[in-house]
Amino acid sequence: MTRLPSEPADDARPQVWFPDTSALVTLAVHQPLQRAVVATLSTHDLVLVESVVAELEGLAGTSDAAAVWAGTALGQLDWIGPPVRVDDPAGTQLAVELQELIAGGRPLMHDMQHYG
């Protein structure tokens, strides 16, 4: 499951990061940026969505320049945690837990509202 850090400071709002395909390919191309992002986000909640991994795998299987970068990105995902499917019960429960964390006790005004 996703790595969750200790409770945030009282004055800090919880943050959850969902790295996307573009960001992960960019980090694969620029190693100093990748190291800086990993260091910065290591204290935050991180969720790797399974569809992002599928996109990277699809790119890695092509014959263009993006294939090498996507392959590199696939090899750098361990800092985020295992991929999560958001369309199954475990992924849905994780989304609910993260929503409650981010909401910080604030009630939702309607069913379609979310904090993020």
PDB file of N, CA and C in Angstrom:
ATOM      1  N   MET A   1       0.842  -1.178   0.000  1.00  0.00           N
ATOM      2  CA  MET A   1       0.000   0.000   0.000  1.00  0.00           C
ATOM      3  C   MET A   1       0.884   1.237   0.000  1.00  0.00           C
ATOM      4  N   THR A   2       0.307   2.358  -0.134  1.00  0.00           N
ATOM      5  CA  THR A   2       0.997   3.637  -0.201  1.00  0.00           C
ATOM      6  C   THR A   2       1.671   3.956   1.127  1.00  0.00           C
ATOM      7  N   ARG A   3       2.810   4.585   1.055  1.00  0.00           N
ATOM      8  CA  ARG A   3       3.549   4.987   2.243  1.00  0.00           C
ATOM      9  C   ARG A   3       2.925   6.261   2.793  1.00  0.00           C
ATOM     10  N   LEU A   4       2.582   6.244   4.082  1.00  0.00           N
ATOM     11  CA  LEU A   4       2.013   7.423   4.731  1.00  0.00           C
ATOM     12  C   LEU A   4       2.959   7.878   5.835  1.00  0.00           C
ATOM     13  N   PRO A   5       3.348   9.136   5.856  1.00  0.00           N
ATOM     14  CA  PRO A   5       4.265   9.628   6.890  1.00  0.00           C
ATOM     15  C   PRO A   5       3.543   9.843   8.212  1.00  0.00           C
ATOM     16  N   SER A   6       4.306  10.247   9.206  1.00  0.00           N
ATOM     17  CA  SER A   6       3.707  10.543  10.499  1.00  0.00           C
ATOM     18  C   SER A   6       2.783  11.755  10.382  1.00  0.00           C
ATOM     19  N   GLU A   7       2.019  11.997  11.409  1.00  0.00           N
ATOM     20  CA  GLU A   7       1.057  13.099  11.398  1.00  0.00           C
ATOM     21  C   GLU A   7       1.751  14.427  11.084  1.00  0.00           C
ATOM     22  N   PRO A   8       1.124  15.303  10.303  1.00  0.00           N
ATOM     23  CA  PRO A   8       1.726  16.600   9.985  1.00  0.00           C
ATOM     24  C   PRO A   8       1.684  17.529  11.196  1.00  0.00           C
ATOM     25  N   ALA A   9       2.510  18.560  11.142  1.00  0.00           N
ATOM     26  CA  ALA A   9       2.491  19.574  12.192  1.00  0.00           C
ATOM     27  C   ALA A   9       1.111  20.223  12.235  1.00  0.00           C
ATOM     28  N   ASP A  10       0.745  20.754  13.400  1.00  0.00           N
ATOM     29  CA  ASP A  10      -0.580  21.340  13.569  1.00  0.00           C
ATOM     30  C   ASP A  10      -0.884  22.430  12.548  1.00  0.00           C
ATOM     31  N   ASP A  11       0.124  23.194  12.152  1.00  0.00           N
ATOM     32  CA  ASP A  11      -0.117  24.302  11.231  1.00  0.00           C
ATOM     33  C   ASP A  11      -0.001  23.894   9.764  1.00  0.00           C
ATOM     34  N   ALA A  12       0.335  22.642   9.495  1.00  0.00           N
ATOM     35  CA  ALA A  12       0.493  22.183   8.112  1.00  0.00           C
ATOM     36  C   ALA A  12      -0.764  21.459   7.647  1.00  0.00           C
ATOM     37  N   ARG A  13      -1.149  21.729   6.425  1.00  0.00           N
ATOM     38  CA  ARG A  13      -2.275  21.004   5.822  1.00  0.00           C
ATOM     39  C   ARG A  13      -1.731  19.737   5.188  1.00  0.00           C
ATOM     40  N   PRO A  14      -2.420  18.626   5.341  1.00  0.00           N
ATOM     41  CA  PRO A  14      -1.959  17.395   4.703  1.00  0.00           C
ATOM     42  C   PRO A  14      -1.917  17.552   3.183  1.00  0.00           C
ATOM     43  N   GLN A  15      -0.929  16.930   2.583  1.00  0.00           N
ATOM     44  CA  GLN A  15      -0.799  16.952   1.138  1.00  0.00           C
ATOM     45  C   GLN A  15      -0.633  15.523   0.646  1.00  0.00           C
ATOM     46  N   VAL A  16      -1.272  15.204  -0.443  1.00  0.00           N
ATOM     47  CA  VAL A  16      -1.129  13.909  -1.091  1.00  0.00           C
ATOM     48  C   VAL A  16      -0.716  14.171  -2.527  1.00  0.00           C
ATOM     49  N   TRP A  17       0.319  13.498  -2.963  1.00  0.00           N
ATOM     50  CA  TRP A  17       0.853  13.700  -4.308  1.00  0.00           C
ATOM     51  C   TRP A  17       0.576  12.465  -5.153  1.00  0.00           C
ATOM     52  N   PHE A  18       0.118  12.690  -6.381  1.00  0.00           N
ATOM     53  CA  PHE A  18      -0.161  11.653  -7.353  1.00  0.00           C
ATOM     54  C   PHE A  18       0.704  11.923  -8.585  1.00  0.00           C
ATOM     55  N   PRO A  19       1.952  11.450  -8.598  1.00  0.00           N
ATOM     56  CA  PRO A  19       2.808  11.719  -9.755  1.00  0.00           C
ATOM     57  C   PRO A  19       2.193  11.140 -11.032  1.00  0.00           C
ATOM     58  N   ASP A  20       2.175  11.937 -12.091  1.00  0.00           N
ATOM     59  CA  ASP A  20       1.589  11.469 -13.350  1.00  0.00           C
ATOM     60  C   ASP A  20       2.683  11.038 -14.322  1.00  0.00           C
ATOM     61  N   THR A  21       2.261  10.506 -15.452  1.00  0.00           N
ATOM     62  CA  THR A  21       3.184   9.969 -16.447  1.00  0.00           C
ATOM     63  C   THR A  21       4.185  11.021 -16.908  1.00  0.00           C
ATOM     64  N   SER A  22       3.702  12.194 -17.231  1.00  0.00           N
ATOM     65  CA  SER A  22       4.575  13.258 -17.720  1.00  0.00           C
ATOM     66  C   SER A  22       5.633  13.642 -16.691  1.00  0.00           C
ATOM     67  N   ALA A  23       5.218  13.791 -15.457  1.00  0.00           N
ATOM     68  CA  ALA A  23       6.168  14.151 -14.399  1.00  0.00           C
ATOM     69  C   ALA A  23       7.218  13.064 -14.219  1.00  0.00           C
ATOM     70  N   LEU A  24       6.803  11.812 -14.238  1.00  0.00           N
ATOM     71  CA  LEU A  24       7.749  10.718 -14.032  1.00  0.00           C
ATOM     72  C   LEU A  24       8.730  10.582 -15.191  1.00  0.00           C
ATOM     73  N   VAL A  25       8.283  10.835 -16.409  1.00  0.00           N
ATOM     74  CA  VAL A  25       9.202  10.820 -17.561  1.00  0.00           C
ATOM     75  C   VAL A  25      10.178  11.989 -17.445  1.00  0.00           C
ATOM     76  N   THR A  26       9.703  13.142 -17.053  1.00  0.00           N
ATOM     77  CA  THR A  26      10.584  14.300 -16.861  1.00  0.00           C
ATOM     78  C   THR A  26      11.651  13.995 -15.818  1.00  0.00           C
ATOM     79  N   LEU A  27      11.263  13.373 -14.729  1.00  0.00           N
ATOM     80  CA  LEU A  27      12.235  13.024 -13.687  1.00  0.00           C
ATOM     81  C   LEU A  27      13.242  11.992 -14.189  1.00  0.00           C
ATOM     82  N   ALA A  28      12.815  11.110 -15.080  1.00  0.00           N
ATOM     83  CA  ALA A  28      13.729  10.113 -15.643  1.00  0.00           C
ATOM     84  C   ALA A  28      14.784  10.759 -16.535  1.00  0.00           C
ATOM     85  N   VAL A  29      14.411  11.848 -17.190  1.00  0.00           N
ATOM     86  CA  VAL A  29      15.315  12.544 -18.104  1.00  0.00           C
ATOM     87  C   VAL A  29      16.290  13.443 -17.350  1.00  0.00           C
ATOM     88  N   HIS A  30      15.869  13.985 -16.225  1.00  0.00           N
ATOM     89  CA  HIS A  30      16.671  14.974 -15.494  1.00  0.00           C
ATOM     90  C   HIS A  30      16.969  14.451 -14.085  1.00  0.00           C
ATOM     91  N   GLN A  31      18.092  13.776 -13.934  1.00  0.00           N
ATOM     92  CA  GLN A  31      18.431  13.137 -12.660  1.00  0.00           C
ATOM     93  C   GLN A  31      18.565  14.106 -11.477  1.00  0.00           C
ATOM     94  N   PRO A  32      19.187  15.293 -11.646  1.00  0.00           N
ATOM     95  CA  PRO A  32      19.236  16.216 -10.504  1.00  0.00           C
ATOM     96  C   PRO A  32      17.827  16.627 -10.043  1.00  0.00           C
ATOM     97  N   LEU A  33      16.934  16.840 -10.987  1.00  0.00           N
ATOM     98  CA  LEU A  33      15.555  17.179 -10.634  1.00  0.00           C
ATOM     99  C   LEU A  33      14.891  15.993  -9.929  1.00  0.00           C
ATOM    100  N   GLN A  34      15.138  14.788 -10.412  1.00  0.00           N
ATOM    101  CA  GLN A  34      14.560  13.598  -9.792  1.00  0.00           C
ATOM    102  C   GLN A  34      15.004  13.482  -8.337  1.00  0.00           C
ATOM    103  N   ARG A  35      16.286  13.677  -8.076  1.00  0.00           N
ATOM    104  CA  ARG A  35      16.794  13.597  -6.698  1.00  0.00           C
ATOM    105  C   ARG A  35      16.159  14.673  -5.821  1.00  0.00           C
ATOM    106  N   ALA A  36      16.012  15.878  -6.357  1.00  0.00           N
ATOM    107  CA  ALA A  36      15.416  16.976  -5.581  1.00  0.00           C
ATOM    108  C   ALA A  36      13.944  16.704  -5.272  1.00  0.00           C
ATOM    109  N   VAL A  37      13.207  16.204  -6.256  1.00  0.00           N
ATOM    110  CA  VAL A  37      11.788  15.915  -6.046  1.00  0.00           C
ATOM    111  C   VAL A  37      11.617  14.785  -5.037  1.00  0.00           C
ATOM    112  N   VAL A  38      12.401  13.741  -5.164  1.00  0.00           N
ATOM    113  CA  VAL A  38      12.320  12.628  -4.214  1.00  0.00           C
ATOM    114  C   VAL A  38      12.617  13.124  -2.802  1.00  0.00           C
ATOM    115  N   ALA A  39      13.633  13.932  -2.649  1.00  0.00           N
ATOM    116  CA  ALA A  39      13.978  14.456  -1.315  1.00  0.00           C
ATOM    117  C   ALA A  39      12.864  15.333  -0.763  1.00  0.00           C
ATOM    118  N   THR A  40      12.281  16.146  -1.601  1.00  0.00           N
ATOM    119  CA  THR A  40      11.226  17.059  -1.159  1.00  0.00           C
ATOM    120  C   THR A  40       9.947  16.317  -0.808  1.00  0.00           C
ATOM    121  N   LEU A  41       9.560  15.359  -1.628  1.00  0.00           N
ATOM    122  CA  LEU A  41       8.282  14.674  -1.418  1.00  0.00           C
ATOM    123  C   LEU A  41       8.366  13.489  -0.472  1.00  0.00           C
ATOM    124  N   SER A  42       9.546  13.154  -0.009  1.00  0.00           N
ATOM    125  CA  SER A  42       9.696  11.974   0.854  1.00  0.00           C
ATOM    126  C   SER A  42       8.929  12.087   2.176  1.00  0.00           C
ATOM    127  N   THR A  43       8.553  13.288   2.557  1.00  0.00           N
ATOM    128  CA  THR A  43       7.796  13.462   3.805  1.00  0.00           C
ATOM    129  C   THR A  43       6.297  13.594   3.561  1.00  0.00           C
ATOM    130  N   HIS A  44       5.862  13.434   2.325  1.00  0.00           N
ATOM    131  CA  HIS A  44       4.448  13.575   1.972  1.00  0.00           C
ATOM    132  C   HIS A  44       3.838  12.226   1.627  1.00  0.00           C
ATOM    133  N   ASP A  45       2.510  12.173   1.652  1.00  0.00           N
ATOM    134  CA  ASP A  45       1.797  10.992   1.185  1.00  0.00           C
ATOM    135  C   ASP A  45       1.925  10.931  -0.331  1.00  0.00           C
ATOM    136  N   LEU A  46       2.225   9.746  -0.840  1.00  0.00           N
ATOM    137  CA  LEU A  46       2.396   9.542  -2.273  1.00  0.00           C
ATOM    138  C   LEU A  46       1.529   8.376  -2.720  1.00  0.00           C
ATOM    139  N   VAL A  47       0.882   8.531  -3.870  1.00  0.00           N
ATOM    140  CA  VAL A  47       0.072   7.460  -4.439  1.00  0.00           C
ATOM    141  C   VAL A  47       0.460   7.297  -5.898  1.00  0.00           C
ATOM    142  N   LEU A  48       0.848   6.089  -6.246  1.00  0.00           N
ATOM    143  CA  LEU A  48       1.136   5.752  -7.639  1.00  0.00           C
ATOM    144  C   LEU A  48      -0.082   5.026  -8.188  1.00  0.00           C
ATOM    145  N   VAL A  49      -0.764   5.662  -9.114  1.00  0.00           N
ATOM    146  CA  VAL A  49      -1.968   5.089  -9.702  1.00  0.00           C
ATOM    147  C   VAL A  49      -1.553   4.074 -10.772  1.00  0.00           C
ATOM    148  N   GLU A  50      -2.185   2.911 -10.748  1.00  0.00           N
ATOM    149  CA  GLU A  50      -1.816   1.823 -11.656  1.00  0.00           C
ATOM    150  C   GLU A  50      -1.881   2.230 -13.128  1.00  0.00           C
ATOM    151  N   SER A  51      -2.813   3.089 -13.488  1.00  0.00           N
ATOM    152  CA  SER A  51      -2.920   3.502 -14.896  1.00  0.00           C
ATOM    153  C   SER A  51      -1.687   4.279 -15.351  1.00  0.00           C
ATOM    154  N   VAL A  52      -1.009   4.965 -14.438  1.00  0.00           N
ATOM    155  CA  VAL A  52       0.226   5.674 -14.789  1.00  0.00           C
ATOM    156  C   VAL A  52       1.312   4.657 -15.143  1.00  0.00           C
ATOM    157  N   VAL A  53       1.391   3.586 -14.376  1.00  0.00           N
ATOM    158  CA  VAL A  53       2.366   2.530 -14.673  1.00  0.00           C
ATOM    159  C   VAL A  53       2.045   1.906 -16.033  1.00  0.00           C
ATOM    160  N   ALA A  54       0.775   1.673 -16.304  1.00  0.00           N
ATOM    161  CA  ALA A  54       0.373   1.102 -17.595  1.00  0.00           C
ATOM    162  C   ALA A  54       0.771   2.026 -18.748  1.00  0.00           C
ATOM    163  N   GLU A  55       0.609   3.337 -18.560  1.00  0.00           N
ATOM    164  CA  GLU A  55       1.021   4.291 -19.602  1.00  0.00           C
ATOM    165  C   GLU A  55       2.526   4.234 -19.819  1.00  0.00           C
ATOM    166  N   LEU A  56       3.287   4.175 -18.731  1.00  0.00           N
ATOM    167  CA  LEU A  56       4.744   4.085 -18.862  1.00  0.00           C
ATOM    168  C   LEU A  56       5.144   2.792 -19.564  1.00  0.00           C
ATOM    169  N   GLU A  57       4.501   1.695 -19.224  1.00  0.00           N
ATOM    170  CA  GLU A  57       4.801   0.418 -19.874  1.00  0.00           C
ATOM    171  C   GLU A  57       4.478   0.490 -21.364  1.00  0.00           C
ATOM    172  N   GLY A  58       3.370   1.134 -21.703  1.00  0.00           N
ATOM    173  CA  GLY A  58       3.021   1.301 -23.112  1.00  0.00           C
ATOM    174  C   GLY A  58       4.056   2.125 -23.862  1.00  0.00           C
ATOM    175  N   LEU A  59       4.491   3.220 -23.244  1.00  0.00           N
ATOM    176  CA  LEU A  59       5.528   4.055 -23.863  1.00  0.00           C
ATOM    177  C   LEU A  59       6.846   3.291 -24.000  1.00  0.00           C
ATOM    178  N   ALA A  60       7.193   2.528 -22.972  1.00  0.00           N
ATOM    179  CA  ALA A  60       8.451   1.780 -22.987  1.00  0.00           C
ATOM    180  C   ALA A  60       8.474   0.744 -24.105  1.00  0.00           C
ATOM    181  N   GLY A  61       7.308   0.299 -24.528  1.00  0.00           N
ATOM    182  CA  GLY A  61       7.227  -0.697 -25.586  1.00  0.00           C
ATOM    183  C   GLY A  61       7.252  -0.136 -26.988  1.00  0.00           C
ATOM    184  N   THR A  62       7.379   1.175 -27.126  1.00  0.00           N
ATOM    185  CA  THR A  62       7.419   1.789 -28.458  1.00  0.00           C
ATOM    186  C   THR A  62       8.857   1.861 -28.962  1.00  0.00           C
ATOM    187  N   SER A  63       9.012   2.354 -30.170  1.00  0.00           N
ATOM    188  CA  SER A  63      10.357   2.458 -30.751  1.00  0.00           C
ATOM    189  C   SER A  63      10.852   3.899 -30.834  1.00  0.00           C
ATOM    190  N   ASP A  64      10.143   4.830 -30.197  1.00  0.00           N
ATOM    191  CA  ASP A  64      10.596   6.226 -30.278  1.00  0.00           C
ATOM    192  C   ASP A  64      11.448   6.592 -29.054  1.00  0.00           C
ATOM    193  N   ALA A  65      11.895   7.830 -29.014  1.00  0.00           N
ATOM    194  CA  ALA A  65      12.795   8.287 -27.944  1.00  0.00           C
ATOM    195  C   ALA A  65      12.163   8.173 -26.567  1.00  0.00           C
ATOM    196  N   ALA A  66      10.866   8.310 -26.484  1.00  0.00           N
ATOM    197  CA  ALA A  66      10.187   8.242 -25.194  1.00  0.00           C
ATOM    198  C   ALA A  66      10.297   6.860 -24.560  1.00  0.00           C
ATOM    199  N   ALA A  67      10.549   5.838 -25.357  1.00  0.00           N
ATOM    200  CA  ALA A  67      10.642   4.472 -24.832  1.00  0.00           C
ATOM    201  C   ALA A  67      11.758   4.346 -23.796  1.00  0.00           C
ATOM    202  N   VAL A  68      12.906   4.920 -24.086  1.00  0.00           N
ATOM    203  CA  VAL A  68      14.036   4.855 -23.146  1.00  0.00           C
ATOM    204  C   VAL A  68      13.699   5.607 -21.866  1.00  0.00           C
ATOM    205  N   TRP A  69      13.118   6.779 -22.001  1.00  0.00           N
ATOM    206  CA  TRP A  69      12.773   7.575 -20.823  1.00  0.00           C
ATOM    207  C   TRP A  69      11.710   6.885 -19.978  1.00  0.00           C
ATOM    208  N   ALA A  70      10.710   6.307 -20.643  1.00  0.00           N
ATOM    209  CA  ALA A  70       9.660   5.602 -19.910  1.00  0.00           C
ATOM    210  C   ALA A  70      10.243   4.389 -19.188  1.00  0.00           C
ATOM    211  N   GLY A  71      11.157   3.688 -19.838  1.00  0.00           N
ATOM    212  CA  GLY A  71      11.818   2.556 -19.189  1.00  0.00           C
ATOM    213  C   GLY A  71      12.606   2.982 -17.972  1.00  0.00           C
ATOM    214  N   THR A  72      13.282   4.110 -18.095  1.00  0.00           N
ATOM    215  CA  THR A  72      14.020   4.653 -16.945  1.00  0.00           C
ATOM    216  C   THR A  72      13.055   5.012 -15.826  1.00  0.00           C
ATOM    217  N   ALA A  73      11.947   5.654 -16.170  1.00  0.00           N
ATOM    218  CA  ALA A  73      10.948   6.027 -15.165  1.00  0.00           C
ATOM    219  C   ALA A  73      10.409   4.789 -14.450  1.00  0.00           C
ATOM    220  N   LEU A  74      10.155   3.722 -15.200  1.00  0.00           N
ATOM    221  CA  LEU A  74       9.652   2.484 -14.580  1.00  0.00           C
ATOM    222  C   LEU A  74      10.637   1.935 -13.553  1.00  0.00           C
ATOM    223  N   GLY A  75      11.916   2.154 -13.783  1.00  0.00           N
ATOM    224  CA  GLY A  75      12.935   1.689 -12.844  1.00  0.00           C
ATOM    225  C   GLY A  75      13.122   2.590 -11.640  1.00  0.00           C
ATOM    226  N   GLN A  76      12.421   3.725 -11.604  1.00  0.00           N
ATOM    227  CA  GLN A  76      12.585   4.691 -10.521  1.00  0.00           C
ATOM    228  C   GLN A  76      11.337   4.846  -9.653  1.00  0.00           C
ATOM    229  N   LEU A  77      10.425   3.916  -9.707  1.00  0.00           N
ATOM    230  CA  LEU A  77       9.150   4.089  -9.020  1.00  0.00           C
ATOM    231  C   LEU A  77       9.155   3.648  -7.557  1.00  0.00           C
ATOM    232  N   ASP A  78      10.219   3.032  -7.104  1.00  0.00           N
ATOM    233  CA  ASP A  78      10.216   2.493  -5.745  1.00  0.00           C
ATOM    234  C   ASP A  78      10.039   3.553  -4.663  1.00  0.00           C
ATOM    235  N   TRP A  79      10.395   4.785  -4.921  1.00  0.00           N
ATOM    236  CA  TRP A  79      10.255   5.858  -3.925  1.00  0.00           C
ATOM    237  C   TRP A  79       8.798   6.247  -3.696  1.00  0.00           C
ATOM    238  N   ILE A  80       7.926   5.862  -4.625  1.00  0.00           N
ATOM    239  CA  ILE A  80       6.514   6.222  -4.511  1.00  0.00           C
ATOM    240  C   ILE A  80       5.729   5.144  -3.774  1.00  0.00           C
ATOM    241  N   GLY A  81       6.047   3.916  -4.031  1.00  0.00           N
ATOM    242  CA  GLY A  81       5.300   2.803  -3.450  1.00  0.00           C
ATOM    243  C   GLY A  81       4.629   2.006  -4.550  1.00  0.00           C
ATOM    244  N   PRO A  82       4.011   0.899  -4.178  1.00  0.00           N
ATOM    245  CA  PRO A  82       3.389   0.049  -5.197  1.00  0.00           C
ATOM    246  C   PRO A  82       2.191   0.729  -5.843  1.00  0.00           C
ATOM    247  N   PRO A  83       1.910   0.380  -7.095  1.00  0.00           N
ATOM    248  CA  PRO A  83       0.764   0.973  -7.784  1.00  0.00           C
ATOM    249  C   PRO A  83      -0.562   0.589  -7.118  1.00  0.00           C
ATOM    250  N   VAL A  84      -1.506   1.508  -7.185  1.00  0.00           N
ATOM    251  CA  VAL A  84      -2.826   1.308  -6.591  1.00  0.00           C
ATOM    252  C   VAL A  84      -3.874   1.408  -7.691  1.00  0.00           C
ATOM    253  N   ARG A  85      -4.774   0.432  -7.714  1.00  0.00           N
ATOM    254  CA  ARG A  85      -5.937   0.511  -8.612  1.00  0.00           C
ATOM    255  C   ARG A  85      -6.994   1.316  -7.892  1.00  0.00           C
ATOM    256  N   VAL A  86      -7.499   2.313  -8.527  1.00  0.00           N
ATOM    257  CA  VAL A  86      -8.526   3.140  -7.883  1.00  0.00           C
ATOM    258  C   VAL A  86      -9.934   2.660  -8.188  1.00  0.00           C
ATOM    259  N   ASP A  87     -10.050   1.621  -9.014  1.00  0.00           N
ATOM    260  CA  ASP A  87     -11.379   1.110  -9.346  1.00  0.00           C
ATOM    261  C   ASP A  87     -11.678  -0.231  -8.671  1.00  0.00           C
ATOM    262  N   ASP A  88     -10.965  -0.561  -7.609  1.00  0.00           N
ATOM    263  CA  ASP A  88     -11.305  -1.753  -6.841  1.00  0.00           C
ATOM    264  C   ASP A  88     -11.500  -1.352  -5.382  1.00  0.00           C
ATOM    265  N   PRO A  89     -12.019  -2.232  -4.554  1.00  0.00           N
ATOM    266  CA  PRO A  89     -12.333  -1.834  -3.170  1.00  0.00           C
ATOM    267  C   PRO A  89     -11.146  -1.267  -2.382  1.00  0.00           C
ATOM    268  N   ALA A  90      -9.972  -1.844  -2.524  1.00  0.00           N
ATOM    269  CA  ALA A  90      -8.816  -1.331  -1.779  1.00  0.00           C
ATOM    270  C   ALA A  90      -8.452   0.074  -2.230  1.00  0.00           C
ATOM    271  N   GLY A  91      -8.475   0.320  -3.526  1.00  0.00           N
ATOM    272  CA  GLY A  91      -8.175   1.657  -4.044  1.00  0.00           C
ATOM    273  C   GLY A  91      -9.233   2.664  -3.651  1.00  0.00           C
ATOM    274  N   THR A  92     -10.469   2.236  -3.675  1.00  0.00           N
ATOM    275  CA  THR A  92     -11.562   3.122  -3.269  1.00  0.00           C
ATOM    276  C   THR A  92     -11.433   3.471  -1.792  1.00  0.00           C
ATOM    277  N   GLN A  93     -11.113   2.491  -0.963  1.00  0.00           N
ATOM    278  CA  GLN A  93     -10.943   2.752   0.468  1.00  0.00           C
ATOM    279  C   GLN A  93      -9.773   3.696   0.703  1.00  0.00           C
ATOM    280  N   LEU A  94      -8.683   3.522  -0.035  1.00  0.00           N
ATOM    281  CA  LEU A  94      -7.546   4.437   0.087  1.00  0.00           C
ATOM    282  C   LEU A  94      -7.970   5.854  -0.270  1.00  0.00           C
ATOM    283  N   ALA A  95      -8.752   6.006  -1.338  1.00  0.00           N
ATOM    284  CA  ALA A  95      -9.229   7.338  -1.736  1.00  0.00           C
ATOM    285  C   ALA A  95     -10.069   7.959  -0.634  1.00  0.00           C
ATOM    286  N   VAL A  96     -10.911   7.173  -0.005  1.00  0.00           N
ATOM    287  CA  VAL A  96     -11.742   7.683   1.093  1.00  0.00           C
ATOM    288  C   VAL A  96     -10.862   8.130   2.258  1.00  0.00           C
ATOM    289  N   GLU A  97      -9.884   7.317   2.620  1.00  0.00           N
ATOM    290  CA  GLU A  97      -8.988   7.658   3.735  1.00  0.00           C
ATOM    291  C   GLU A  97      -8.204   8.936   3.446  1.00  0.00           C
ATOM    292  N   LEU A  98      -7.688   9.059   2.225  1.00  0.00           N
ATOM    293  CA  LEU A  98      -6.925  10.255   1.876  1.00  0.00           C
ATOM    294  C   LEU A  98      -7.822  11.479   1.844  1.00  0.00           C
ATOM    295  N   GLN A  99      -9.047  11.320   1.344  1.00  0.00           N
ATOM    296  CA  GLN A  99     -10.005  12.427   1.321  1.00  0.00           C
ATOM    297  C   GLN A  99     -10.283  12.908   2.741  1.00  0.00           C
ATOM    298  N   GLU A 100     -10.482  11.983   3.661  1.00  0.00           N
ATOM    299  CA  GLU A 100     -10.738  12.355   5.054  1.00  0.00           C
ATOM    300  C   GLU A 100      -9.530  13.053   5.667  1.00  0.00           C
ATOM    301  N   LEU A 101      -8.337  12.578   5.342  1.00  0.00           N
ATOM    302  CA  LEU A 101      -7.109  13.212   5.835  1.00  0.00           C
ATOM    303  C   LEU A 101      -7.009  14.649   5.347  1.00  0.00           C
ATOM    304  N   ILE A 102      -7.224  14.842   4.056  1.00  0.00           N
ATOM    305  CA  ILE A 102      -7.105  16.178   3.468  1.00  0.00           C
ATOM    306  C   ILE A 102      -8.227  17.097   3.953  1.00  0.00           C
ATOM    307  N   ALA A 103      -9.418  16.552   4.113  1.00  0.00           N
ATOM    308  CA  ALA A 103     -10.552  17.368   4.567  1.00  0.00           C
ATOM    309  C   ALA A 103     -10.319  17.895   5.970  1.00  0.00           C
ATOM    310  N   GLY A 104      -9.562  17.183   6.773  1.00  0.00           N
ATOM    311  CA  GLY A 104      -9.236  17.655   8.115  1.00  0.00           C
ATOM    312  C   GLY A 104     -10.461  17.933   8.979  1.00  0.00           C
ATOM    313  N   GLY A 105     -11.485  17.103   8.842  1.00  0.00           N
ATOM    314  CA  GLY A 105     -12.685  17.290   9.643  1.00  0.00           C
ATOM    315  C   GLY A 105     -13.705  18.244   9.058  1.00  0.00           C
ATOM    316  N   ARG A 106     -13.357  18.912   7.948  1.00  0.00           N
ATOM    317  CA  ARG A 106     -14.311  19.812   7.309  1.00  0.00           C
ATOM    318  C   ARG A 106     -15.385  18.988   6.607  1.00  0.00           C
ATOM    319  N   PRO A 107     -16.656  19.300   6.811  1.00  0.00           N
ATOM    320  CA  PRO A 107     -17.709  18.525   6.150  1.00  0.00           C
ATOM    321  C   PRO A 107     -17.808  18.885   4.663  1.00  0.00           C
ATOM    322  N   LEU A 108     -18.268  17.930   3.887  1.00  0.00           N
ATOM    323  CA  LEU A 108     -18.520  18.188   2.477  1.00  0.00           C
ATOM    324  C   LEU A 108     -19.869  18.854   2.335  1.00  0.00           C
ATOM    325  N   MET A 109     -19.972  19.784   1.415  1.00  0.00           N
ATOM    326  CA  MET A 109     -21.216  20.521   1.208  1.00  0.00           C
ATOM    327  C   MET A 109     -22.206  19.731   0.348  1.00  0.00           C
ATOM    328  N   HIS A 110     -21.703  18.818  -0.511  1.00  0.00           N
ATOM    329  CA  HIS A 110     -22.564  17.977  -1.352  1.00  0.00           C
ATOM    330  C   HIS A 110     -21.765  16.746  -1.769  1.00  0.00           C
ATOM    331  N   ASP A 111     -22.435  15.747  -2.340  1.00  0.00           N
ATOM    332  CA  ASP A 111     -21.811  14.464  -2.659  1.00  0.00           C
ATOM    333  C   ASP A 111     -20.678  14.559  -3.659  1.00  0.00           C
ATOM    334  N   MET A 112     -20.693  15.542  -4.529  1.00  0.00           N
ATOM    335  CA  MET A 112     -19.663  15.651  -5.561  1.00  0.00           C
ATOM    336  C   MET A 112     -18.466  16.490  -5.118  1.00  0.00           C
ATOM    337  N   GLN A 113     -18.512  17.073  -3.945  1.00  0.00           N
ATOM    338  CA  GLN A 113     -17.414  17.907  -3.463  1.00  0.00           C
ATOM    339  C   GLN A 113     -16.287  17.005  -2.957  1.00  0.00           C
ATOM    340  N   HIS A 114     -15.068  17.497  -3.077  1.00  0.00           N
ATOM    341  CA  HIS A 114     -13.914  16.813  -2.487  1.00  0.00           C
ATOM    342  C   HIS A 114     -12.872  17.862  -2.147  1.00  0.00           C
ATOM    343  N   TYR A 115     -11.994  17.493  -1.259  1.00  0.00           N
ATOM    344  CA  TYR A 115     -10.856  18.352  -0.929  1.00  0.00           C
ATOM    345  C   TYR A 115      -9.634  17.728  -1.545  1.00  0.00           C
ATOM    346  N   GLY A 116      -8.809  18.535  -2.195  1.00  0.00           N
ATOM    347  CA  GLY A 116      -7.620  17.972  -2.814  1.00  0.00           C
ATOM    348  C   GLY A 116      -6.667  19.055  -3.212  1.00  0.00           C
TER     349      GLY A 116
END
